[in-house]
Amino acid sequence: MTELRKSIAKDLSWLERFYAEAGYGGTVQPEDRVFFAISGEVIAGVVRLAIENGSFVLRGMQVAEAYRGKRIGMALLRYLADDLGNKPCFCLPYSHLEAFYGIAGFQVANDSEIPLFLAERKHAYLHRSMDVVSMARHSAGPVL
């Protein structure tokens, strides 16, 4: 059985190791809220809610390979969305995941609809040939 939990990053010594094993190279701040799925003693998936320049940003959604296709990502996204409530939030997912993030009310946004620091990050990702899209969630959307 998989259990959902949350904590702050500074209390999770395993978090950076999990990300390294998943090939995720993003940075983690000690105050990031971490939502994770655990199956027995194994971490099945992780997503973070960071506060960057006063804005909530969904970051670092990763599901361990052995747990992909088991709706772990969906459960984590719902858990994060419930915690977020009606607060606005932004993310820069790969474009093929647009519908997935749409489940939690994220919608494609143009650069003028997201904070400047995220627009700059998006363009840096695009320059590195990462196919990302800007998304914004301005209120609690449909979480199916």
C-alpha atoms as a PDB file:
ATOM      1  CA  MET A   1       0.000   0.000   0.000  1.00  0.00           C
ATOM      2  CA  THR A   2       1.284   3.457  -0.889  1.00  0.00           C
ATOM      3  CA  GLU A   3       0.956   6.217   1.680  1.00  0.00           C
ATOM      4  CA  LEU A   4       1.062   9.957   0.964  1.00  0.00           C
ATOM      5  CA  ARG A   5       3.013  12.247   3.295  1.00  0.00           C
ATOM      6  CA  LYS A   6       4.366  15.773   3.383  1.00  0.00           C
ATOM      7  CA  SER A   7       7.234  17.489   5.126  1.00  0.00           C
ATOM      8  CA  ILE A   8       9.723  20.261   4.531  1.00  0.00           C
ATOM      9  CA  ALA A   9      12.869  19.498   2.579  1.00  0.00           C
ATOM     10  CA  LYS A  10      15.301  20.163   5.425  1.00  0.00           C
ATOM     11  CA  ASP A  11      13.806  17.193   7.322  1.00  0.00           C
ATOM     12  CA  LEU A  12      14.302  14.726   4.449  1.00  0.00           C
ATOM     13  CA  SER A  13      17.866  13.465   4.182  1.00  0.00           C
ATOM     14  CA  TRP A  14      16.925  11.094   1.339  1.00  0.00           C
ATOM     15  CA  LEU A  15      15.439  13.747  -0.963  1.00  0.00           C
ATOM     16  CA  GLU A  16      18.551  14.826  -2.870  1.00  0.00           C
ATOM     17  CA  ARG A  17      19.615  11.187  -3.278  1.00  0.00           C
ATOM     18  CA  PHE A  18      16.166  10.318  -4.686  1.00  0.00           C
ATOM     19  CA  TYR A  19      16.401  13.180  -7.172  1.00  0.00           C
ATOM     20  CA  ALA A  20      19.940  12.216  -8.190  1.00  0.00           C
ATOM     21  CA  GLU A  21      18.825   8.628  -8.855  1.00  0.00           C
ATOM     22  CA  ALA A  22      15.909   9.955 -10.938  1.00  0.00           C
ATOM     23  CA  GLY A  23      18.253  12.176 -12.962  1.00  0.00           C
ATOM     24  CA  TYR A  24      16.614  15.392 -11.738  1.00  0.00           C
ATOM     25  CA  GLY A  25      19.133  18.207 -11.491  1.00  0.00           C
ATOM     26  CA  GLY A  26      17.009  20.956  -9.931  1.00  0.00           C
ATOM     27  CA  THR A  27      17.885  22.638  -6.673  1.00  0.00           C
ATOM     28  CA  VAL A  28      16.052  22.044  -3.407  1.00  0.00           C
ATOM     29  CA  GLN A  29      15.562  24.691  -0.744  1.00  0.00           C
ATOM     30  CA  PRO A  30      15.241  23.663   2.935  1.00  0.00           C
ATOM     31  CA  GLU A  31      11.838  25.361   3.231  1.00  0.00           C
ATOM     32  CA  ASP A  32      10.292  23.645   0.180  1.00  0.00           C
ATOM     33  CA  ARG A  33       7.150  21.676   1.004  1.00  0.00           C
ATOM     34  CA  VAL A  34       7.689  18.113  -0.136  1.00  0.00           C
ATOM     35  CA  PHE A  35       4.820  15.775  -0.953  1.00  0.00           C
ATOM     36  CA  PHE A  36       5.859  12.165  -1.304  1.00  0.00           C
ATOM     37  CA  ALA A  37       4.482   8.686  -1.764  1.00  0.00           C
ATOM     38  CA  ILE A  38       6.044   5.876   0.227  1.00  0.00           C
ATOM     39  CA  SER A  39       5.440   2.163  -0.242  1.00  0.00           C
ATOM     40  CA  GLY A  40       6.779   0.255   2.733  1.00  0.00           C
ATOM     41  CA  GLU A  41      10.267   1.703   3.081  1.00  0.00           C
ATOM     42  CA  VAL A  42      10.563   2.740  -0.574  1.00  0.00           C
ATOM     43  CA  ILE A  43       9.960   6.264  -1.880  1.00  0.00           C
ATOM     44  CA  ALA A  44       7.675   5.890  -4.883  1.00  0.00           C
ATOM     45  CA  GLY A  45       7.410   9.535  -5.926  1.00  0.00           C
ATOM     46  CA  VAL A  46       8.002  13.154  -4.974  1.00  0.00           C
ATOM     47  CA  VAL A  47       6.779  16.634  -5.878  1.00  0.00           C
ATOM     48  CA  ARG A  48       7.675  19.941  -4.221  1.00  0.00           C
ATOM     49  CA  LEU A  49       5.941  23.234  -3.634  1.00  0.00           C
ATOM     50  CA  ALA A  50       8.562  25.972  -3.543  1.00  0.00           C
ATOM     51  CA  ILE A  51       8.085  29.633  -2.742  1.00  0.00           C
ATOM     52  CA  GLU A  52      10.226  31.580  -5.178  1.00  0.00           C
ATOM     53  CA  ASN A  53      10.216  35.380  -5.224  1.00  0.00           C
ATOM     54  CA  GLY A  54       6.888  35.328  -3.376  1.00  0.00           C
ATOM     55  CA  SER A  55       5.189  32.890  -5.781  1.00  0.00           C
ATOM     56  CA  PHE A  56       4.251  29.235  -5.337  1.00  0.00           C
ATOM     57  CA  VAL A  57       6.025  27.047  -7.887  1.00  0.00           C
ATOM     58  CA  LEU A  58       5.416  23.333  -8.404  1.00  0.00           C
ATOM     59  CA  ARG A  59       8.827  21.699  -8.913  1.00  0.00           C
ATOM     60  CA  GLY A  60      10.556  18.372  -9.167  1.00  0.00           C
ATOM     61  CA  MET A  61       7.714  15.941  -9.900  1.00  0.00           C
ATOM     62  CA  GLN A  62       9.424  12.555 -10.107  1.00  0.00           C
ATOM     63  CA  VAL A  63       8.081   9.011  -9.833  1.00  0.00           C
ATOM     64  CA  ALA A  64      10.477   6.116  -9.310  1.00  0.00           C
ATOM     65  CA  GLU A  65      10.667   3.920 -12.400  1.00  0.00           C
ATOM     66  CA  ALA A  66       9.238   0.862 -10.628  1.00  0.00           C
ATOM     67  CA  TYR A  67       6.109   2.864  -9.699  1.00  0.00           C
ATOM     68  CA  ARG A  68       5.375   4.549 -13.015  1.00  0.00           C
ATOM     69  CA  GLY A  69       1.977   3.788 -14.493  1.00  0.00           C
ATOM     70  CA  LYS A  70       0.461   3.199 -11.045  1.00  0.00           C
ATOM     71  CA  ARG A  71      -1.132   6.671 -10.700  1.00  0.00           C
ATOM     72  CA  ILE A  72       1.417   7.781  -8.083  1.00  0.00           C
ATOM     73  CA  GLY A  73       2.016  11.071  -9.923  1.00  0.00           C
ATOM     74  CA  MET A  74      -1.724  11.703 -10.085  1.00  0.00           C
ATOM     75  CA  ALA A  75      -2.120  11.053  -6.350  1.00  0.00           C
ATOM     76  CA  LEU A  76       0.778  13.375  -5.543  1.00  0.00           C
ATOM     77  CA  LEU A  77      -0.615  16.106  -7.781  1.00  0.00           C
ATOM     78  CA  ARG A  78      -4.022  15.852  -6.085  1.00  0.00           C
ATOM     79  CA  TYR A  79      -2.392  15.938  -2.644  1.00  0.00           C
ATOM     80  CA  LEU A  80      -0.406  19.059  -3.526  1.00  0.00           C
ATOM     81  CA  ALA A  81      -3.462  20.744  -5.091  1.00  0.00           C
ATOM     82  CA  ASP A  82      -5.550  20.065  -1.976  1.00  0.00           C
ATOM     83  CA  ASP A  83      -2.823  21.599   0.189  1.00  0.00           C
ATOM     84  CA  LEU A  84      -2.497  24.594  -2.126  1.00  0.00           C
ATOM     85  CA  GLY A  85      -6.207  25.407  -2.020  1.00  0.00           C
ATOM     86  CA  ASN A  86      -7.029  28.558  -3.980  1.00  0.00           C
ATOM     87  CA  LYS A  87      -3.526  30.012  -3.927  1.00  0.00           C
ATOM     88  CA  PRO A  88      -2.049  30.743  -7.365  1.00  0.00           C
ATOM     89  CA  CYS A  89       0.797  28.492  -8.464  1.00  0.00           C
ATOM     90  CA  PHE A  90       3.030  28.115 -11.506  1.00  0.00           C
ATOM     91  CA  CYS A  91       5.037  25.342 -13.142  1.00  0.00           C
ATOM     92  CA  LEU A  92       7.227  24.658 -16.180  1.00  0.00           C
ATOM     93  CA  PRO A  93       6.508  21.050 -17.156  1.00  0.00           C
ATOM     94  CA  TYR A  94       7.516  19.282 -20.335  1.00  0.00           C
ATOM     95  CA  SER A  95       4.900  20.073 -22.971  1.00  0.00           C
ATOM     96  CA  HIS A  96       3.754  16.449 -23.288  1.00  0.00           C
ATOM     97  CA  LEU A  97       2.574  16.664 -19.644  1.00  0.00           C
ATOM     98  CA  GLU A  98       0.224  19.601 -20.219  1.00  0.00           C
ATOM     99  CA  ALA A  99      -2.961  17.499 -19.810  1.00  0.00           C
ATOM    100  CA  PHE A 100      -1.565  15.821 -16.692  1.00  0.00           C
ATOM    101  CA  TYR A 101      -1.038  19.152 -14.904  1.00  0.00           C
ATOM    102  CA  GLY A 102      -4.377  20.352 -16.246  1.00  0.00           C
ATOM    103  CA  ILE A 103      -6.018  17.795 -13.942  1.00  0.00           C
ATOM    104  CA  ALA A 104      -5.061  20.030 -10.998  1.00  0.00           C
ATOM    105  CA  GLY A 105      -6.281  23.197 -12.715  1.00  0.00           C
ATOM    106  CA  PHE A 106      -3.028  24.317 -14.339  1.00  0.00           C
ATOM    107  CA  GLN A 107      -3.515  26.001 -17.701  1.00  0.00           C
ATOM    108  CA  VAL A 108      -1.027  26.984 -20.372  1.00  0.00           C
ATOM    109  CA  ALA A 109       0.077  30.579 -19.793  1.00  0.00           C
ATOM    110  CA  ASN A 110       2.025  33.038 -21.880  1.00  0.00           C
ATOM    111  CA  ASP A 111       5.085  34.801 -20.504  1.00  0.00           C
ATOM    112  CA  SER A 112       3.093  37.857 -19.396  1.00  0.00           C
ATOM    113  CA  GLU A 113       0.938  35.635 -17.142  1.00  0.00           C
ATOM    114  CA  ILE A 114       3.811  34.137 -15.147  1.00  0.00           C
ATOM    115  CA  PRO A 115       6.402  35.788 -12.905  1.00  0.00           C
ATOM    116  CA  LEU A 116       9.376  37.254 -14.785  1.00  0.00           C
ATOM    117  CA  PHE A 117      11.901  34.925 -13.098  1.00  0.00           C
ATOM    118  CA  LEU A 118       9.935  31.909 -14.399  1.00  0.00           C
ATOM    119  CA  ALA A 119       9.706  33.330 -17.913  1.00  0.00           C
ATOM    120  CA  GLU A 120      13.486  33.738 -17.847  1.00  0.00           C
ATOM    121  CA  ARG A 121      13.942  30.179 -16.533  1.00  0.00           C
ATOM    122  CA  LYS A 122      11.622  28.851 -19.236  1.00  0.00           C
ATOM    123  CA  HIS A 123      13.661  30.554 -21.959  1.00  0.00           C
ATOM    124  CA  ALA A 124      16.878  29.141 -20.474  1.00  0.00           C
ATOM    125  CA  TYR A 125      15.308  25.649 -20.592  1.00  0.00           C
ATOM    126  CA  LEU A 126      14.157  26.174 -24.169  1.00  0.00           C
ATOM    127  CA  HIS A 127      17.678  27.324 -25.092  1.00  0.00           C
ATOM    128  CA  ARG A 128      18.910  23.974 -23.737  1.00  0.00           C
ATOM    129  CA  SER A 129      16.380  22.202 -26.025  1.00  0.00           C
ATOM    130  CA  MET A 130      14.053  21.284 -23.171  1.00  0.00           C
ATOM    131  CA  ASP A 131      10.473  21.246 -24.521  1.00  0.00           C
ATOM    132  CA  VAL A 132       8.716  22.980 -21.611  1.00  0.00           C
ATOM    133  CA  VAL A 133       5.540  25.020 -21.351  1.00  0.00           C
ATOM    134  CA  SER A 134       4.477  27.727 -18.898  1.00  0.00           C
ATOM    135  CA  MET A 135       1.457  26.814 -16.805  1.00  0.00           C
ATOM    136  CA  ALA A 136      -0.488  28.728 -14.169  1.00  0.00           C
ATOM    137  CA  ARG A 137      -3.133  27.705 -11.659  1.00  0.00           C
ATOM    138  CA  HIS A 138      -5.069  30.719 -10.447  1.00  0.00           C
ATOM    139  CA  SER A 139      -7.660  28.899  -8.340  1.00  0.00           C
ATOM    140  CA  ALA A 140      -8.635  25.421  -7.307  1.00  0.00           C
ATOM    141  CA  GLY A 141      -9.371  23.679 -10.568  1.00  0.00           C
ATOM    142  CA  PRO A 142     -10.962  20.335 -11.192  1.00  0.00           C
ATOM    143  CA  VAL A 143      -9.037  17.619  -9.397  1.00  0.00           C
ATOM    144  CA  LEU A 144     -10.379  14.328 -10.685  1.00  0.00           C
END
